[in-house]
Amino acid sequence: MGFESLLGNERLKENLRVSVGRGRISHFYLLSGPVGSGKRTLAKLLSAAILCQSSEKPCLSCNICRKVMESTHPDCITVDDPEHKNVAVKIVRDARADMYIMPNESSRKIYIFPQELGVEGQNALLKILEEPPPYGVFILLSDNPEKLLPTVRSRCTELSLLALPEETLRQALRREFPEADAQSIDAAIHRSGGYLGQAKALLSEGAISPQTEIFAQCFARRDTAGLLQALVPMEKWKRDQAIAEWQTWLQLLEGGLLCHNGQKATSPLARQLADNRSSFELMQAIGLLQKVIEYAQGNVSVAAICGYLQWALR
């Protein structure tokens, strides 16, 4: 299957097939595109292609490809720092030092940077980009390549990921979300800008709890007694659980307001709220939910907040 597991971007994939097949490997690749454009998928596929020993690279069936795709290959290393927005410069320096250790199993050693680098981190990386060892390959992912230092960007082979054709995106979403209705899929396509990852994230928001469904339906039809059914059991919930639930309610209300403003909502419940409540009513409820989330984060008890909501939403 090779690069075909990355949807769209046909010219980019064909160029990679040709260059990798001929052994023309860059020491530094920059994969650019918005969140959800497929940068992580392409980074894995490109790494597998570089290390794969089959005639068709990547074959995705050999032991090398499987290890790369499963993130277990010792010569394909991901460099990230989940606790910080940017990768700490010390982590970049450690990776730079490790690059001078010869590969374990392959003829090349690949470092994937899926997270943005700050100026210090880029400067630390630049030192090895200027004179990389012959076996070294760096793959840097960026949502906003314009923020990279010109000295870093000038040394890269940039691969820009494009939005998918609407029908390609629709078919992929139908396969992955068979339960989603046509309106929700259309809304996800419209709001995602054509990027699969963003569309999937929007449709995944549709996975809601029974409590949220009760709230949305009862608020839409002004059913005060029904709202009590949603809120009374929540009085015994833990704070984090309640906050997460109220944040989901807030997203639904915001989705309903977007419908009033002419945008498409991926959630049928958000569309139901828009059909039955005015923009003013939705804005009032949004303000209320924002307030109670702040109360909860400020250590007001969940039971007290539920009581307040029972009165305020009536």
C-alpha atoms as a PDB file:
ATOM      1  CA  MET A   1       0.000   0.000   0.000  1.00  0.00           C
ATOM      2  CA  GLY A   2       2.954   2.321   0.693  1.00  0.00           C
ATOM      3  CA  PHE A   3       2.336   6.045   0.547  1.00  0.00           C
ATOM      4  CA  GLU A   4      -1.274   5.409  -0.528  1.00  0.00           C
ATOM      5  CA  SER A   5      -2.297   5.152   3.127  1.00  0.00           C
ATOM      6  CA  LEU A   6      -1.888   8.946   3.161  1.00  0.00           C
ATOM      7  CA  LEU A   7      -4.997  10.359   1.497  1.00  0.00           C
ATOM      8  CA  GLY A   8      -4.711  12.926  -1.281  1.00  0.00           C
ATOM      9  CA  ASN A   9      -1.454  14.793  -1.973  1.00  0.00           C
ATOM     10  CA  GLU A  10      -0.830  12.695  -5.089  1.00  0.00           C
ATOM     11  CA  ARG A  11       1.989  14.792  -6.533  1.00  0.00           C
ATOM     12  CA  LEU A  12       3.857  14.850  -3.214  1.00  0.00           C
ATOM     13  CA  LYS A  13       3.538  11.062  -2.856  1.00  0.00           C
ATOM     14  CA  GLU A  14       4.712  10.429  -6.410  1.00  0.00           C
ATOM     15  CA  ASN A  15       7.745  12.671  -5.912  1.00  0.00           C
ATOM     16  CA  LEU A  16       8.630  10.783  -2.730  1.00  0.00           C
ATOM     17  CA  ARG A  17       8.236   7.400  -4.463  1.00  0.00           C
ATOM     18  CA  VAL A  18      10.655   8.465  -7.172  1.00  0.00           C
ATOM     19  CA  SER A  19      13.240  10.125  -4.921  1.00  0.00           C
ATOM     20  CA  VAL A  20      13.261   7.361  -2.267  1.00  0.00           C
ATOM     21  CA  GLY A  21      13.279   4.678  -4.953  1.00  0.00           C
ATOM     22  CA  ARG A  22      16.394   6.258  -6.478  1.00  0.00           C
ATOM     23  CA  GLY A  23      18.059   6.629  -3.092  1.00  0.00           C
ATOM     24  CA  ARG A  24      17.865  10.425  -3.092  1.00  0.00           C
ATOM     25  CA  ILE A  25      17.327  11.015   0.625  1.00  0.00           C
ATOM     26  CA  SER A  26      17.499  14.469   2.195  1.00  0.00           C
ATOM     27  CA  HIS A  27      19.176  14.975   5.553  1.00  0.00           C
ATOM     28  CA  PHE A  28      16.389  17.315   6.642  1.00  0.00           C
ATOM     29  CA  TYR A  29      12.680  17.214   5.776  1.00  0.00           C
ATOM     30  CA  LEU A  30      10.155  19.822   6.879  1.00  0.00           C
ATOM     31  CA  LEU A  31       6.561  18.563   6.823  1.00  0.00           C
ATOM     32  CA  SER A  32       4.227  21.547   6.899  1.00  0.00           C
ATOM     33  CA  GLY A  33       0.463  21.864   7.063  1.00  0.00           C
ATOM     34  CA  PRO A  34      -2.348  22.746   9.485  1.00  0.00           C
ATOM     35  CA  VAL A  35      -3.292  20.580  12.452  1.00  0.00           C
ATOM     36  CA  GLY A  36      -4.911  17.398  11.153  1.00  0.00           C
ATOM     37  CA  SER A  37      -3.344  17.587   7.692  1.00  0.00           C
ATOM     38  CA  GLY A  38      -1.531  14.234   8.015  1.00  0.00           C
ATOM     39  CA  LYS A  39       1.979  15.331   9.008  1.00  0.00           C
ATOM     40  CA  ARG A  40       2.434  12.548  11.570  1.00  0.00           C
ATOM     41  CA  THR A  41       1.176   9.936   9.116  1.00  0.00           C
ATOM     42  CA  LEU A  42       3.550  11.182   6.426  1.00  0.00           C
ATOM     43  CA  ALA A  43       6.476  11.269   8.871  1.00  0.00           C
ATOM     44  CA  LYS A  44       5.949   7.596   9.698  1.00  0.00           C
ATOM     45  CA  LEU A  45       5.524   6.590   6.047  1.00  0.00           C
ATOM     46  CA  LEU A  46       8.585   8.552   4.963  1.00  0.00           C
ATOM     47  CA  SER A  47      10.668   7.028   7.772  1.00  0.00           C
ATOM     48  CA  ALA A  48       9.512   3.534   6.808  1.00  0.00           C
ATOM     49  CA  ALA A  49      10.339   4.230   3.144  1.00  0.00           C
ATOM     50  CA  ILE A  50      13.844   5.447   4.009  1.00  0.00           C
ATOM     51  CA  LEU A  51      14.637   2.358   6.107  1.00  0.00           C
ATOM     52  CA  CYS A  52      12.688  -0.237   4.056  1.00  0.00           C
ATOM     53  CA  GLN A  53      14.766  -2.760   2.082  1.00  0.00           C
ATOM     54  CA  SER A  54      11.999  -3.835  -0.334  1.00  0.00           C
ATOM     55  CA  SER A  55      11.860  -2.736  -3.958  1.00  0.00           C
ATOM     56  CA  GLU A  56       8.596  -0.843  -3.373  1.00  0.00           C
ATOM     57  CA  LYS A  57       9.230   1.547  -0.480  1.00  0.00           C
ATOM     58  CA  PRO A  58       7.581   1.566   1.974  1.00  0.00           C
ATOM     59  CA  CYS A  59       6.151  -1.922   1.619  1.00  0.00           C
ATOM     60  CA  LEU A  60       4.535  -1.704   5.082  1.00  0.00           C
ATOM     61  CA  SER A  61       4.716  -5.499   5.382  1.00  0.00           C
ATOM     62  CA  CYS A  62       8.390  -6.164   6.187  1.00  0.00           C
ATOM     63  CA  ASN A  63       9.720  -6.269   9.722  1.00  0.00           C
ATOM     64  CA  ILE A  64      11.425  -2.881   9.317  1.00  0.00           C
ATOM     65  CA  CYS A  65       8.250  -1.120   8.171  1.00  0.00           C
ATOM     66  CA  ARG A  66       6.173  -2.703  10.908  1.00  0.00           C
ATOM     67  CA  LYS A  67       8.644  -1.559  13.550  1.00  0.00           C
ATOM     68  CA  VAL A  68       8.628   1.993  12.231  1.00  0.00           C
ATOM     69  CA  MET A  69       4.829   2.176  12.067  1.00  0.00           C
ATOM     70  CA  GLU A  70       4.589   0.730  15.589  1.00  0.00           C
ATOM     71  CA  SER A  71       7.225   3.183  16.884  1.00  0.00           C
ATOM     72  CA  THR A  72       9.562   0.379  17.993  1.00  0.00           C
ATOM     73  CA  HIS A  73      12.405   0.693  15.480  1.00  0.00           C
ATOM     74  CA  PRO A  74      15.627   1.679  17.331  1.00  0.00           C
ATOM     75  CA  ASP A  75      16.815   3.845  14.423  1.00  0.00           C
ATOM     76  CA  CYS A  76      13.604   5.854  14.138  1.00  0.00           C
ATOM     77  CA  ILE A  77      13.413   8.103  17.178  1.00  0.00           C
ATOM     78  CA  THR A  78      10.646  10.541  18.100  1.00  0.00           C
ATOM     79  CA  VAL A  79      11.897  13.626  19.947  1.00  0.00           C
ATOM     80  CA  ASP A  80       9.156  15.388  21.886  1.00  0.00           C
ATOM     81  CA  ASP A  81       8.418  17.078  25.198  1.00  0.00           C
ATOM     82  CA  PRO A  82       4.750  16.516  26.123  1.00  0.00           C
ATOM     83  CA  GLU A  83       4.968  18.638  29.269  1.00  0.00           C
ATOM     84  CA  HIS A  84       5.851  21.810  27.357  1.00  0.00           C
ATOM     85  CA  LYS A  85       4.571  23.711  24.333  1.00  0.00           C
ATOM     86  CA  ASN A  86       8.016  23.676  22.697  1.00  0.00           C
ATOM     87  CA  VAL A  87      10.646  20.958  22.978  1.00  0.00           C
ATOM     88  CA  ALA A  88      13.140  21.916  25.689  1.00  0.00           C
ATOM     89  CA  VAL A  89      16.559  22.818  24.320  1.00  0.00           C
ATOM     90  CA  LYS A  90      18.209  20.152  26.509  1.00  0.00           C
ATOM     91  CA  ILE A  91      16.154  17.444  24.780  1.00  0.00           C
ATOM     92  CA  VAL A  92      17.242  18.768  21.376  1.00  0.00           C
ATOM     93  CA  ARG A  93      20.872  18.773  22.487  1.00  0.00           C
ATOM     94  CA  ASP A  94      20.560  15.198  23.781  1.00  0.00           C
ATOM     95  CA  ALA A  95      19.127  14.113  20.418  1.00  0.00           C
ATOM     96  CA  ARG A  96      21.917  15.944  18.627  1.00  0.00           C
ATOM     97  CA  ALA A  97      24.533  14.103  20.689  1.00  0.00           C
ATOM     98  CA  ASP A  98      22.781  10.764  20.134  1.00  0.00           C
ATOM     99  CA  MET A  99      22.869  11.289  16.372  1.00  0.00           C
ATOM    100  CA  TYR A 100      26.633  10.751  16.407  1.00  0.00           C
ATOM    101  CA  ILE A 101      26.100   7.202  17.676  1.00  0.00           C
ATOM    102  CA  MET A 102      25.932   4.866  14.681  1.00  0.00           C
ATOM    103  CA  PRO A 103      22.588   3.268  13.720  1.00  0.00           C
ATOM    104  CA  ASN A 104      21.642   0.018  15.448  1.00  0.00           C
ATOM    105  CA  GLU A 105      19.970  -1.971  12.674  1.00  0.00           C
ATOM    106  CA  SER A 106      19.825   0.173   9.544  1.00  0.00           C
ATOM    107  CA  SER A 107      22.068   2.233   7.329  1.00  0.00           C
ATOM    108  CA  ARG A 108      20.313   5.434   8.438  1.00  0.00           C
ATOM    109  CA  LYS A 109      19.150   6.976  11.689  1.00  0.00           C
ATOM    110  CA  ILE A 110      16.003   9.117  11.710  1.00  0.00           C
ATOM    111  CA  TYR A 111      14.845  11.704  14.240  1.00  0.00           C
ATOM    112  CA  ILE A 112      11.237  12.885  14.067  1.00  0.00           C
ATOM    113  CA  PHE A 113      10.327  16.174  15.772  1.00  0.00           C
ATOM    114  CA  PRO A 114       6.494  16.229  15.885  1.00  0.00           C
ATOM    115  CA  GLN A 115       6.418  19.248  18.194  1.00  0.00           C
ATOM    116  CA  GLU A 116       7.343  22.868  17.532  1.00  0.00           C
ATOM    117  CA  LEU A 117      10.852  24.014  18.439  1.00  0.00           C
ATOM    118  CA  GLY A 118      11.571  27.366  20.064  1.00  0.00           C
ATOM    119  CA  VAL A 119      14.384  29.615  18.854  1.00  0.00           C
ATOM    120  CA  GLU A 120      16.911  28.026  21.235  1.00  0.00           C
ATOM    121  CA  GLY A 121      15.902  24.541  20.146  1.00  0.00           C
ATOM    122  CA  GLN A 122      16.177  25.490  16.475  1.00  0.00           C
ATOM    123  CA  ASN A 123      19.639  26.933  17.025  1.00  0.00           C
ATOM    124  CA  ALA A 124      20.681  23.754  18.831  1.00  0.00           C
ATOM    125  CA  LEU A 125      19.404  21.671  15.911  1.00  0.00           C
ATOM    126  CA  LEU A 126      21.039  23.977  13.380  1.00  0.00           C
ATOM    127  CA  LYS A 127      24.507  22.992  14.583  1.00  0.00           C
ATOM    128  CA  ILE A 128      24.041  19.427  13.370  1.00  0.00           C
ATOM    129  CA  LEU A 129      22.025  20.394  10.284  1.00  0.00           C
ATOM    130  CA  GLU A 130      25.061  22.310   9.041  1.00  0.00           C
ATOM    131  CA  GLU A 131      27.239  19.174   9.085  1.00  0.00           C
ATOM    132  CA  PRO A 132      25.064  16.073   9.653  1.00  0.00           C
ATOM    133  CA  PRO A 133      26.611  12.599   9.730  1.00  0.00           C
ATOM    134  CA  PRO A 134      26.071  10.801   6.383  1.00  0.00           C
ATOM    135  CA  TYR A 135      23.494   8.435   7.891  1.00  0.00           C
ATOM    136  CA  GLY A 136      21.453  11.132   9.712  1.00  0.00           C
ATOM    137  CA  VAL A 137      17.921  12.203   8.746  1.00  0.00           C
ATOM    138  CA  PHE A 138      15.821  14.804  10.561  1.00  0.00           C
ATOM    139  CA  ILE A 139      12.066  15.155  10.021  1.00  0.00           C
ATOM    140  CA  LEU A 140      10.560  18.302  11.506  1.00  0.00           C
ATOM    141  CA  LEU A 141       6.767  18.829  11.635  1.00  0.00           C
ATOM    142  CA  SER A 142       5.349  22.337  11.736  1.00  0.00           C
ATOM    143  CA  ASP A 143       1.872  23.870  11.648  1.00  0.00           C
ATOM    144  CA  ASN A 144       3.430  27.255  10.933  1.00  0.00           C
ATOM    145  CA  PRO A 145       6.773  26.993   9.089  1.00  0.00           C
ATOM    146  CA  GLU A 146       6.977  30.791   8.806  1.00  0.00           C
ATOM    147  CA  LYS A 147       7.991  30.804  12.481  1.00  0.00           C
ATOM    148  CA  LEU A 148      11.127  28.802  11.749  1.00  0.00           C
ATOM    149  CA  LEU A 149      14.465  30.571  11.565  1.00  0.00           C
ATOM    150  CA  PRO A 150      15.448  31.309   7.937  1.00  0.00           C
ATOM    151  CA  THR A 151      18.754  29.523   8.539  1.00  0.00           C
ATOM    152  CA  VAL A 152      16.853  26.361   9.540  1.00  0.00           C
ATOM    153  CA  ARG A 153      14.231  26.517   6.826  1.00  0.00           C
ATOM    154  CA  SER A 154      16.782  27.135   4.085  1.00  0.00           C
ATOM    155  CA  ARG A 155      18.395  23.755   4.820  1.00  0.00           C
ATOM    156  CA  CYS A 156      15.239  21.673   4.527  1.00  0.00           C
ATOM    157  CA  THR A 157      13.380  19.796   1.839  1.00  0.00           C
ATOM    158  CA  GLU A 158       9.872  21.112   2.499  1.00  0.00           C
ATOM    159  CA  LEU A 159       6.858  18.849   1.951  1.00  0.00           C
ATOM    160  CA  SER A 160       3.620  20.826   2.182  1.00  0.00           C
ATOM    161  CA  LEU A 161       0.422  18.858   2.817  1.00  0.00           C
ATOM    162  CA  LEU A 162      -2.670  20.073   1.010  1.00  0.00           C
ATOM    163  CA  ALA A 163      -6.378  19.929   1.786  1.00  0.00           C
ATOM    164  CA  LEU A 164      -8.191  16.850   0.496  1.00  0.00           C
ATOM    165  CA  PRO A 165     -10.779  16.888  -2.297  1.00  0.00           C
ATOM    166  CA  GLU A 166     -14.262  17.022  -0.802  1.00  0.00           C
ATOM    167  CA  GLU A 167     -15.344  13.612  -2.089  1.00  0.00           C
ATOM    168  CA  THR A 168     -12.147  11.936  -0.842  1.00  0.00           C
ATOM    169  CA  LEU A 169     -12.744  13.434   2.586  1.00  0.00           C
ATOM    170  CA  ARG A 170     -16.421  12.458   2.566  1.00  0.00           C
ATOM    171  CA  GLN A 171     -15.663   8.820   1.713  1.00  0.00           C
ATOM    172  CA  ALA A 172     -13.036   8.605   4.470  1.00  0.00           C
ATOM    173  CA  LEU A 173     -15.413  10.061   7.048  1.00  0.00           C
ATOM    174  CA  ARG A 174     -18.243   7.746   6.026  1.00  0.00           C
ATOM    175  CA  ARG A 175     -15.938   4.746   6.524  1.00  0.00           C
ATOM    176  CA  GLU A 176     -14.760   5.890   9.941  1.00  0.00           C
ATOM    177  CA  PHE A 177     -18.055   7.333  11.220  1.00  0.00           C
ATOM    178  CA  PRO A 178     -20.781   5.105   9.747  1.00  0.00           C
ATOM    179  CA  GLU A 179     -23.242   6.312  12.396  1.00  0.00           C
ATOM    180  CA  ALA A 180     -22.848  10.012  11.462  1.00  0.00           C
ATOM    181  CA  ASP A 181     -25.651  11.540   9.404  1.00  0.00           C
ATOM    182  CA  ALA A 182     -25.070  13.386   6.136  1.00  0.00           C
ATOM    183  CA  GLN A 183     -25.529  16.810   7.740  1.00  0.00           C
ATOM    184  CA  SER A 184     -22.882  16.121  10.373  1.00  0.00           C
ATOM    185  CA  ILE A 185     -20.392  14.896   7.763  1.00  0.00           C
ATOM    186  CA  ASP A 186     -21.073  17.929   5.547  1.00  0.00           C
ATOM    187  CA  ALA A 187     -20.544  20.221   8.541  1.00  0.00           C
ATOM    188  CA  ALA A 188     -17.261  18.497   9.431  1.00  0.00           C
ATOM    189  CA  ILE A 189     -16.026  18.858   5.850  1.00  0.00           C
ATOM    190  CA  HIS A 190     -17.020  22.524   5.762  1.00  0.00           C
ATOM    191  CA  ARG A 191     -15.445  23.426   9.117  1.00  0.00           C
ATOM    192  CA  SER A 192     -12.271  21.348   8.703  1.00  0.00           C
ATOM    193  CA  GLY A 193     -11.030  23.218   5.657  1.00  0.00           C
ATOM    194  CA  GLY A 194     -10.497  19.874   3.912  1.00  0.00           C
ATOM    195  CA  TYR A 195      -8.145  18.302   6.476  1.00  0.00           C
ATOM    196  CA  LEU A 196      -9.036  14.802   7.644  1.00  0.00           C
ATOM    197  CA  GLY A 197      -7.645  15.082  11.170  1.00  0.00           C
ATOM    198  CA  GLN A 198      -9.682  18.199  11.892  1.00  0.00           C
ATOM    199  CA  ALA A 199     -12.835  16.660  10.417  1.00  0.00           C
ATOM    200  CA  LYS A 200     -12.386  13.521  12.525  1.00  0.00           C
ATOM    201  CA  ALA A 201     -11.912  15.622  15.657  1.00  0.00           C
ATOM    202  CA  LEU A 202     -15.124  17.512  14.922  1.00  0.00           C
ATOM    203  CA  LEU A 203     -17.127  14.324  14.418  1.00  0.00           C
ATOM    204  CA  SER A 204     -15.571  12.731  17.505  1.00  0.00           C
ATOM    205  CA  GLU A 205     -17.130  15.537  19.533  1.00  0.00           C
ATOM    206  CA  GLY A 206     -20.429  13.862  18.704  1.00  0.00           C
ATOM    207  CA  ALA A 207     -19.678  11.036  21.165  1.00  0.00           C
ATOM    208  CA  ILE A 208     -21.672  12.340  24.119  1.00  0.00           C
ATOM    209  CA  SER A 209     -22.813  11.000  27.474  1.00  0.00           C
ATOM    210  CA  PRO A 210     -26.453  10.238  28.320  1.00  0.00           C
ATOM    211  CA  GLN A 211     -26.333  13.190  30.741  1.00  0.00           C
ATOM    212  CA  THR A 212     -25.424  15.584  27.944  1.00  0.00           C
ATOM    213  CA  GLU A 213     -28.128  14.216  25.656  1.00  0.00           C
ATOM    214  CA  ILE A 214     -30.755  14.719  28.381  1.00  0.00           C
ATOM    215  CA  PHE A 215     -29.557  18.275  28.973  1.00  0.00           C
ATOM    216  CA  ALA A 216     -29.565  19.247  25.278  1.00  0.00           C
ATOM    217  CA  GLN A 217     -32.957  17.739  24.488  1.00  0.00           C
ATOM    218  CA  CYS A 218     -34.628  19.108  27.613  1.00  0.00           C
ATOM    219  CA  PHE A 219     -33.122  22.570  27.245  1.00  0.00           C
ATOM    220  CA  ALA A 220     -34.213  22.641  23.601  1.00  0.00           C
ATOM    221  CA  ARG A 221     -37.840  21.856  24.470  1.00  0.00           C
ATOM    222  CA  ARG A 222     -37.845  23.934  27.705  1.00  0.00           C
ATOM    223  CA  ASP A 223     -38.460  20.861  29.841  1.00  0.00           C
ATOM    224  CA  THR A 224     -37.602  22.010  33.382  1.00  0.00           C
ATOM    225  CA  ALA A 225     -38.429  18.652  34.948  1.00  0.00           C
ATOM    226  CA  GLY A 226     -36.180  16.906  32.434  1.00  0.00           C
ATOM    227  CA  LEU A 227     -33.299  19.246  33.269  1.00  0.00           C
ATOM    228  CA  LEU A 228     -33.631  18.155  36.901  1.00  0.00           C
ATOM    229  CA  GLN A 229     -33.104  14.557  35.758  1.00  0.00           C
ATOM    230  CA  ALA A 230     -29.795  15.604  34.250  1.00  0.00           C
ATOM    231  CA  LEU A 231     -28.600  17.737  37.162  1.00  0.00           C
ATOM    232  CA  VAL A 232     -29.713  15.926  40.346  1.00  0.00           C
ATOM    233  CA  PRO A 233     -27.476  12.833  39.825  1.00  0.00           C
ATOM    234  CA  MET A 234     -24.527  15.137  39.080  1.00  0.00           C
ATOM    235  CA  GLU A 235     -24.601  16.572  42.608  1.00  0.00           C
ATOM    236  CA  LYS A 236     -22.515  13.572  43.746  1.00  0.00           C
ATOM    237  CA  TRP A 237     -20.040  13.717  40.871  1.00  0.00           C
ATOM    238  CA  LYS A 238     -16.367  14.523  41.338  1.00  0.00           C
ATOM    239  CA  ARG A 239     -15.342  18.047  40.375  1.00  0.00           C
ATOM    240  CA  ASP A 240     -13.234  17.103  37.310  1.00  0.00           C
ATOM    241  CA  GLN A 241     -15.993  14.868  35.955  1.00  0.00           C
ATOM    242  CA  ALA A 242     -18.609  17.607  36.334  1.00  0.00           C
ATOM    243  CA  ILE A 243     -16.400  20.270  34.748  1.00  0.00           C
ATOM    244  CA  ALA A 244     -15.744  18.034  31.734  1.00  0.00           C
ATOM    245  CA  GLU A 245     -19.508  17.462  31.359  1.00  0.00           C
ATOM    246  CA  TRP A 246     -20.347  21.156  31.577  1.00  0.00           C
ATOM    247  CA  GLN A 247     -17.653  21.932  29.017  1.00  0.00           C
ATOM    248  CA  THR A 248     -19.407  19.515  26.644  1.00  0.00           C
ATOM    249  CA  TRP A 249     -22.704  21.316  27.283  1.00  0.00           C
ATOM    250  CA  LEU A 250     -20.958  24.600  26.530  1.00  0.00           C
ATOM    251  CA  GLN A 251     -19.631  23.246  23.203  1.00  0.00           C
ATOM    252  CA  LEU A 252     -23.137  22.163  22.194  1.00  0.00           C
ATOM    253  CA  LEU A 253     -24.586  25.570  23.013  1.00  0.00           C
ATOM    254  CA  GLU A 254     -21.796  27.248  21.046  1.00  0.00           C
ATOM    255  CA  GLY A 255     -22.533  24.896  18.145  1.00  0.00           C
ATOM    256  CA  GLY A 256     -26.180  25.942  18.259  1.00  0.00           C
ATOM    257  CA  LEU A 257     -25.179  29.587  18.204  1.00  0.00           C
ATOM    258  CA  LEU A 258     -22.942  28.943  15.193  1.00  0.00           C
ATOM    259  CA  CYS A 259     -25.974  27.542  13.368  1.00  0.00           C
ATOM    260  CA  HIS A 260     -27.810  30.813  13.972  1.00  0.00           C
ATOM    261  CA  ASN A 261     -24.823  32.620  12.494  1.00  0.00           C
ATOM    262  CA  GLY A 262     -24.990  30.593   9.284  1.00  0.00           C
ATOM    263  CA  GLN A 263     -22.322  27.996  10.044  1.00  0.00           C
ATOM    264  CA  LYS A 264     -22.853  24.239   9.954  1.00  0.00           C
ATOM    265  CA  ALA A 265     -22.830  22.189  13.163  1.00  0.00           C
ATOM    266  CA  THR A 266     -21.499  18.636  13.282  1.00  0.00           C
ATOM    267  CA  SER A 267     -23.774  17.667  16.177  1.00  0.00           C
ATOM    268  CA  PRO A 268     -27.483  16.927  15.620  1.00  0.00           C
ATOM    269  CA  LEU A 269     -28.094  18.102  19.196  1.00  0.00           C
ATOM    270  CA  ALA A 270     -26.517  21.477  18.414  1.00  0.00           C
ATOM    271  CA  ARG A 271     -28.815  21.793  15.409  1.00  0.00           C
ATOM    272  CA  GLN A 272     -31.779  20.893  17.630  1.00  0.00           C
ATOM    273  CA  LEU A 273     -30.791  23.639  20.070  1.00  0.00           C
ATOM    274  CA  ALA A 274     -30.585  26.134  17.195  1.00  0.00           C
ATOM    275  CA  ASP A 275     -34.014  25.122  15.920  1.00  0.00           C
ATOM    276  CA  ASN A 276     -35.693  25.619  19.283  1.00  0.00           C
ATOM    277  CA  ARG A 277     -33.807  28.388  21.038  1.00  0.00           C
ATOM    278  CA  SER A 278     -33.026  31.942  19.925  1.00  0.00           C
ATOM    279  CA  SER A 279     -29.516  33.341  19.621  1.00  0.00           C
ATOM    280  CA  PHE A 280     -30.143  35.472  22.703  1.00  0.00           C
ATOM    281  CA  GLU A 281     -31.230  32.455  24.760  1.00  0.00           C
ATOM    282  CA  LEU A 282     -28.212  30.447  23.648  1.00  0.00           C
ATOM    283  CA  MET A 283     -25.870  33.336  24.488  1.00  0.00           C
ATOM    284  CA  GLN A 284     -27.426  33.588  27.954  1.00  0.00           C
ATOM    285  CA  ALA A 285     -26.950  29.855  28.519  1.00  0.00           C
ATOM    286  CA  ILE A 286     -23.354  30.037  27.225  1.00  0.00           C
ATOM    287  CA  GLY A 287     -22.586  32.819  29.697  1.00  0.00           C
ATOM    288  CA  LEU A 288     -24.158  30.772  32.470  1.00  0.00           C
ATOM    289  CA  LEU A 289     -22.119  27.652  31.663  1.00  0.00           C
ATOM    290  CA  GLN A 290     -18.913  29.691  31.463  1.00  0.00           C
ATOM    291  CA  LYS A 291     -19.710  31.113  34.888  1.00  0.00           C
ATOM    292  CA  VAL A 292     -20.400  27.759  36.559  1.00  0.00           C
ATOM    293  CA  ILE A 293     -17.218  26.237  35.078  1.00  0.00           C
ATOM    294  CA  GLU A 294     -15.287  29.119  36.650  1.00  0.00           C
ATOM    295  CA  TYR A 295     -17.116  28.499  39.951  1.00  0.00           C
ATOM    296  CA  ALA A 296     -16.185  24.816  39.848  1.00  0.00           C
ATOM    297  CA  GLN A 297     -12.567  25.583  39.027  1.00  0.00           C
ATOM    298  CA  GLY A 298     -12.625  27.988  41.985  1.00  0.00           C
ATOM    299  CA  ASN A 299     -13.623  25.175  44.374  1.00  0.00           C
ATOM    300  CA  VAL A 300     -17.355  25.897  44.669  1.00  0.00           C
ATOM    301  CA  SER A 301     -18.998  22.545  45.425  1.00  0.00           C
ATOM    302  CA  VAL A 302     -20.516  20.561  42.559  1.00  0.00           C
ATOM    303  CA  ALA A 303     -23.774  20.120  44.504  1.00  0.00           C
ATOM    304  CA  ALA A 304     -24.127  23.884  44.989  1.00  0.00           C
ATOM    305  CA  ILE A 305     -23.489  24.542  41.301  1.00  0.00           C
ATOM    306  CA  CYS A 306     -26.059  21.912  40.271  1.00  0.00           C
ATOM    307  CA  GLY A 307     -28.614  23.616  42.523  1.00  0.00           C
ATOM    308  CA  TYR A 308     -27.789  26.973  40.951  1.00  0.00           C
ATOM    309  CA  LEU A 309     -28.156  25.539  37.425  1.00  0.00           C
ATOM    310  CA  GLN A 310     -31.532  24.009  38.308  1.00  0.00           C
ATOM    311  CA  TRP A 311     -32.750  27.520  39.199  1.00  0.00           C
ATOM    312  CA  ALA A 312     -30.963  29.430  36.414  1.00  0.00           C
ATOM    313  CA  LEU A 313     -31.957  27.109  33.533  1.00  0.00           C
ATOM    314  CA  ARG A 314     -35.618  26.844  34.440  1.00  0.00           C
END
